[in-house]
Amino acid sequence: MTEKDKTPVYTCTEYRMEMILLALEKRLARPDLSKAEKQSIKAEINRLKVQMDME
């Protein structure tokens, strides 16, 4: 096996999930969100992190 073969594969799906996660985190920082919206966004962030093996 060569060094090139050891490079991890980074797919479009992984990139897309990262961009969604970043957008949700940015949206969560908005000061005008209701408590329910914040909880919903946090739940979605946690779901994505689990799916991405980040937690």
PDB file of N, CA and C in Angstrom:
ATOM      1  N   MET A   1       0.849  -1.181   0.000  1.00  0.00           N
ATOM      2  CA  MET A   1       0.000   0.000   0.000  1.00  0.00           C
ATOM      3  C   MET A   1       0.896   1.246   0.000  1.00  0.00           C
ATOM      4  N   THR A   2       0.595   2.192  -0.849  1.00  0.00           N
ATOM      5  CA  THR A   2       1.375   3.414  -0.953  1.00  0.00           C
ATOM      6  C   THR A   2       0.772   4.503  -0.079  1.00  0.00           C
ATOM      7  N   GLU A   3       1.496   5.608   0.094  1.00  0.00           N
ATOM      8  CA  GLU A   3       0.991   6.754   0.859  1.00  0.00           C
ATOM      9  C   GLU A   3      -0.310   7.278   0.257  1.00  0.00           C
ATOM     10  N   LYS A   4      -0.391   7.271  -1.055  1.00  0.00           N
ATOM     11  CA  LYS A   4      -1.579   7.781  -1.738  1.00  0.00           C
ATOM     12  C   LYS A   4      -2.820   6.973  -1.355  1.00  0.00           C
ATOM     13  N   ASP A   5      -2.652   5.678  -1.173  1.00  0.00           N
ATOM     14  CA  ASP A   5      -3.773   4.817  -0.809  1.00  0.00           C
ATOM     15  C   ASP A   5      -4.260   5.062   0.616  1.00  0.00           C
ATOM     16  N   LYS A   6      -3.444   5.657   1.472  1.00  0.00           N
ATOM     17  CA  LYS A   6      -3.796   5.888   2.868  1.00  0.00           C
ATOM     18  C   LYS A   6      -4.559   7.188   3.076  1.00  0.00           C
ATOM     19  N   THR A   7      -4.680   8.001   2.045  1.00  0.00           N
ATOM     20  CA  THR A   7      -5.394   9.275   2.156  1.00  0.00           C
ATOM     21  C   THR A   7      -6.882   9.001   2.392  1.00  0.00           C
ATOM     22  N   PRO A   8      -7.452   9.590   3.456  1.00  0.00           N
ATOM     23  CA  PRO A   8      -8.879   9.380   3.705  1.00  0.00           C
ATOM     24  C   PRO A   8      -9.724   9.976   2.581  1.00  0.00           C
ATOM     25  N   VAL A   9     -10.823   9.335   2.320  1.00  0.00           N
ATOM     26  CA  VAL A   9     -11.739   9.800   1.284  1.00  0.00           C
ATOM     27  C   VAL A   9     -12.647  10.875   1.881  1.00  0.00           C
ATOM     28  N   TYR A  10     -12.770  11.987   1.190  1.00  0.00           N
ATOM     29  CA  TYR A  10     -13.632  13.093   1.612  1.00  0.00           C
ATOM     30  C   TYR A  10     -14.676  13.271   0.529  1.00  0.00           C
ATOM     31  N   THR A  11     -15.909  12.939   0.843  1.00  0.00           N
ATOM     32  CA  THR A  11     -16.952  12.916  -0.173  1.00  0.00           C
ATOM     33  C   THR A  11     -17.764  14.210  -0.203  1.00  0.00           C
ATOM     34  N   CYS A  12     -18.529  14.345  -1.242  1.00  0.00           N
ATOM     35  CA  CYS A  12     -19.430  15.496  -1.379  1.00  0.00           C
ATOM     36  C   CYS A  12     -20.467  15.499  -0.253  1.00  0.00           C
ATOM     37  N   THR A  13     -20.892  14.327   0.159  1.00  0.00           N
ATOM     38  CA  THR A  13     -21.871  14.223   1.238  1.00  0.00           C
ATOM     39  C   THR A  13     -21.294  14.754   2.542  1.00  0.00           C
ATOM     40  N   GLU A  14     -20.046  14.413   2.828  1.00  0.00           N
ATOM     41  CA  GLU A  14     -19.405  14.909   4.040  1.00  0.00           C
ATOM     42  C   GLU A  14     -19.252  16.431   3.996  1.00  0.00           C
ATOM     43  N   TYR A  15     -18.876  16.939   2.849  1.00  0.00           N
ATOM     44  CA  TYR A  15     -18.739  18.388   2.683  1.00  0.00           C
ATOM     45  C   TYR A  15     -20.092  19.071   2.891  1.00  0.00           C
ATOM     46  N   ARG A  16     -21.114  18.505   2.305  1.00  0.00           N
ATOM     47  CA  ARG A  16     -22.458  19.073   2.424  1.00  0.00           C
ATOM     48  C   ARG A  16     -22.910  19.096   3.883  1.00  0.00           C
ATOM     49  N   MET A  17     -22.666  18.013   4.601  1.00  0.00           N
ATOM     50  CA  MET A  17     -23.051  17.947   6.006  1.00  0.00           C
ATOM     51  C   MET A  17     -22.297  18.987   6.829  1.00  0.00           C
ATOM     52  N   GLU A  18     -21.030  19.196   6.525  1.00  0.00           N
ATOM     53  CA  GLU A  18     -20.250  20.216   7.233  1.00  0.00           C
ATOM     54  C   GLU A  18     -20.805  21.608   6.974  1.00  0.00           C
ATOM     55  N   MET A  19     -21.199  21.872   5.748  1.00  0.00           N
ATOM     56  CA  MET A  19     -21.736  23.192   5.416  1.00  0.00           C
ATOM     57  C   MET A  19     -23.090  23.412   6.088  1.00  0.00           C
ATOM     58  N   ILE A  20     -23.895  22.372   6.167  1.00  0.00           N
ATOM     59  CA  ILE A  20     -25.179  22.469   6.867  1.00  0.00           C
ATOM     60  C   ILE A  20     -24.935  22.740   8.340  1.00  0.00           C
ATOM     61  N   LEU A  21     -23.979  22.031   8.932  1.00  0.00           N
ATOM     62  CA  LEU A  21     -23.646  22.227  10.338  1.00  0.00           C
ATOM     63  C   LEU A  21     -23.185  23.664  10.596  1.00  0.00           C
ATOM     64  N   LEU A  22     -22.327  24.178   9.741  1.00  0.00           N
ATOM     65  CA  LEU A  22     -21.857  25.559   9.898  1.00  0.00           C
ATOM     66  C   LEU A  22     -23.003  26.561   9.791  1.00  0.00           C
ATOM     67  N   ALA A  23     -23.898  26.322   8.845  1.00  0.00           N
ATOM     68  CA  ALA A  23     -25.041  27.226   8.669  1.00  0.00           C
ATOM     69  C   ALA A  23     -25.953  27.194   9.891  1.00  0.00           C
ATOM     70  N   LEU A  24     -26.168  26.010  10.449  1.00  0.00           N
ATOM     71  CA  LEU A  24     -27.007  25.905  11.649  1.00  0.00           C
ATOM     72  C   LEU A  24     -26.360  26.603  12.836  1.00  0.00           C
ATOM     73  N   GLU A  25     -25.048  26.446  12.980  1.00  0.00           N
ATOM     74  CA  GLU A  25     -24.352  27.110  14.083  1.00  0.00           C
ATOM     75  C   GLU A  25     -24.392  28.627  13.924  1.00  0.00           C
ATOM     76  N   LYS A  26     -24.289  29.090  12.705  1.00  0.00           N
ATOM     77  CA  LYS A  26     -24.377  30.534  12.446  1.00  0.00           C
ATOM     78  C   LYS A  26     -25.793  31.033  12.752  1.00  0.00           C
ATOM     79  N   ARG A  27     -26.779  30.259  12.347  1.00  0.00           N
ATOM     80  CA  ARG A  27     -28.164  30.634  12.595  1.00  0.00           C
ATOM     81  C   ARG A  27     -28.462  30.654  14.097  1.00  0.00           C
ATOM     82  N   LEU A  28     -27.873  29.724  14.835  1.00  0.00           N
ATOM     83  CA  LEU A  28     -28.083  29.640  16.276  1.00  0.00           C
ATOM     84  C   LEU A  28     -27.565  30.890  16.990  1.00  0.00           C
ATOM     85  N   ALA A  29     -26.587  31.553  16.415  1.00  0.00           N
ATOM     86  CA  ALA A  29     -25.998  32.741  17.028  1.00  0.00           C
ATOM     87  C   ALA A  29     -26.878  33.989  16.876  1.00  0.00           C
ATOM     88  N   ARG A  30     -27.925  33.893  16.084  1.00  0.00           N
ATOM     89  CA  ARG A  30     -28.798  35.061  15.901  1.00  0.00           C
ATOM     90  C   ARG A  30     -29.523  35.399  17.199  1.00  0.00           C
ATOM     91  N   PRO A  31     -29.553  36.669  17.554  1.00  0.00           N
ATOM     92  CA  PRO A  31     -30.177  37.067  18.826  1.00  0.00           C
ATOM     93  C   PRO A  31     -31.711  37.080  18.790  1.00  0.00           C
ATOM     94  N   ASP A  32     -32.306  37.044  17.617  1.00  0.00           N
ATOM     95  CA  ASP A  32     -33.759  37.166  17.513  1.00  0.00           C
ATOM     96  C   ASP A  32     -34.502  35.837  17.473  1.00  0.00           C
ATOM     97  N   LEU A  33     -33.854  34.740  17.812  1.00  0.00           N
ATOM     98  CA  LEU A  33     -34.504  33.433  17.778  1.00  0.00           C
ATOM     99  C   LEU A  33     -35.329  33.203  19.043  1.00  0.00           C
ATOM    100  N   SER A  34     -36.438  32.529  18.848  1.00  0.00           N
ATOM    101  CA  SER A  34     -37.246  32.152  20.009  1.00  0.00           C
ATOM    102  C   SER A  34     -36.597  30.945  20.686  1.00  0.00           C
ATOM    103  N   LYS A  35     -37.037  30.666  21.895  1.00  0.00           N
ATOM    104  CA  LYS A  35     -36.501  29.529  22.638  1.00  0.00           C
ATOM    105  C   LYS A  35     -36.769  28.224  21.888  1.00  0.00           C
ATOM    106  N   ALA A  36     -37.942  28.095  21.293  1.00  0.00           N
ATOM    107  CA  ALA A  36     -38.297  26.886  20.553  1.00  0.00           C
ATOM    108  C   ALA A  36     -37.402  26.709  19.323  1.00  0.00           C
ATOM    109  N   GLU A  37     -37.123  27.811  18.618  1.00  0.00           N
ATOM    110  CA  GLU A  37     -36.240  27.742  17.450  1.00  0.00           C
ATOM    111  C   GLU A  37     -34.830  27.322  17.855  1.00  0.00           C
ATOM    112  N   LYS A  38     -34.341  27.883  18.960  1.00  0.00           N
ATOM    113  CA  LYS A  38     -33.008  27.524  19.442  1.00  0.00           C
ATOM    114  C   LYS A  38     -32.937  26.039  19.781  1.00  0.00           C
ATOM    115  N   GLN A  39     -33.957  25.532  20.445  1.00  0.00           N
ATOM    116  CA  GLN A  39     -33.979  24.111  20.810  1.00  0.00           C
ATOM    117  C   GLN A  39     -34.006  23.236  19.558  1.00  0.00           C
ATOM    118  N   SER A  40     -34.782  23.638  18.576  1.00  0.00           N
ATOM    119  CA  SER A  40     -34.872  22.882  17.334  1.00  0.00           C
ATOM    120  C   SER A  40     -33.539  22.854  16.599  1.00  0.00           C
ATOM    121  N   ILE A  41     -32.886  23.990  16.536  1.00  0.00           N
ATOM    122  CA  ILE A  41     -31.585  24.083  15.858  1.00  0.00           C
ATOM    123  C   ILE A  41     -30.539  23.264  16.610  1.00  0.00           C
ATOM    124  N   LYS A  42     -30.532  23.359  17.946  1.00  0.00           N
ATOM    125  CA  LYS A  42     -29.586  22.581  18.739  1.00  0.00           C
ATOM    126  C   LYS A  42     -29.788  21.083  18.535  1.00  0.00           C
ATOM    127  N   ALA A  43     -31.042  20.670  18.460  1.00  0.00           N
ATOM    128  CA  ALA A  43     -31.335  19.250  18.234  1.00  0.00           C
ATOM    129  C   ALA A  43     -30.818  18.806  16.867  1.00  0.00           C
ATOM    130  N   GLU A  44     -31.000  19.639  15.869  1.00  0.00           N
ATOM    131  CA  GLU A  44     -30.516  19.310  14.520  1.00  0.00           C
ATOM    132  C   GLU A  44     -28.987  19.280  14.488  1.00  0.00           C
ATOM    133  N   ILE A  45     -28.343  20.210  15.175  1.00  0.00           N
ATOM    134  CA  ILE A  45     -26.876  20.216  15.257  1.00  0.00           C
ATOM    135  C   ILE A  45     -26.386  18.926  15.906  1.00  0.00           C
ATOM    136  N   ASN A  46     -27.018  18.544  17.008  1.00  0.00           N
ATOM    137  CA  ASN A  46     -26.618  17.309  17.689  1.00  0.00           C
ATOM    138  C   ASN A  46     -26.828  16.086  16.807  1.00  0.00           C
ATOM    139  N   ARG A  47     -27.930  16.054  16.084  1.00  0.00           N
ATOM    140  CA  ARG A  47     -28.203  14.933  15.185  1.00  0.00           C
ATOM    141  C   ARG A  47     -27.131  14.834  14.108  1.00  0.00           C
ATOM    142  N   LEU A  48     -26.769  15.961  13.526  1.00  0.00           N
ATOM    143  CA  LEU A  48     -25.743  15.975  12.500  1.00  0.00           C
ATOM    144  C   LEU A  48     -24.386  15.559  13.051  1.00  0.00           C
ATOM    145  N   LYS A  49     -24.047  16.025  14.236  1.00  0.00           N
ATOM    146  CA  LYS A  49     -22.768  15.674  14.838  1.00  0.00           C
ATOM    147  C   LYS A  49     -22.672  14.178  15.095  1.00  0.00           C
ATOM    148  N   VAL A  50     -23.757  13.589  15.541  1.00  0.00           N
ATOM    149  CA  VAL A  50     -23.785  12.138  15.764  1.00  0.00           C
ATOM    150  C   VAL A  50     -23.615  11.415  14.425  1.00  0.00           C
ATOM    151  N   GLN A  51     -24.319  11.885  13.430  1.00  0.00           N
ATOM    152  CA  GLN A  51     -24.234  11.280  12.094  1.00  0.00           C
ATOM    153  C   GLN A  51     -22.834  11.391  11.515  1.00  0.00           C
ATOM    154  N   MET A  52     -22.132  12.468  11.867  1.00  0.00           N
ATOM    155  CA  MET A  52     -20.773  12.693  11.358  1.00  0.00           C
ATOM    156  C   MET A  52     -19.712  12.104  12.286  1.00  0.00           C
ATOM    157  N   ASP A  53     -20.124  11.386  13.320  1.00  0.00           N
ATOM    158  CA  ASP A  53     -19.209  10.806  14.310  1.00  0.00           C
ATOM    159  C   ASP A  53     -18.372  11.859  15.013  1.00  0.00           C
ATOM    160  N   MET A  54     -18.996  12.986  15.309  1.00  0.00           N
ATOM    161  CA  MET A  54     -18.300  14.069  16.016  1.00  0.00           C
ATOM    162  C   MET A  54     -18.611  14.022  17.514  1.00  0.00           C
ATOM    163  N   GLU A  55     -19.602  13.260  17.909  1.00  0.00           N
ATOM    164  CA  GLU A  55     -19.967  13.119  19.329  1.00  0.00           C
ATOM    165  C   GLU A  55     -20.280  11.696  19.624  1.00  0.00           C
TER     166      GLU A  55
END
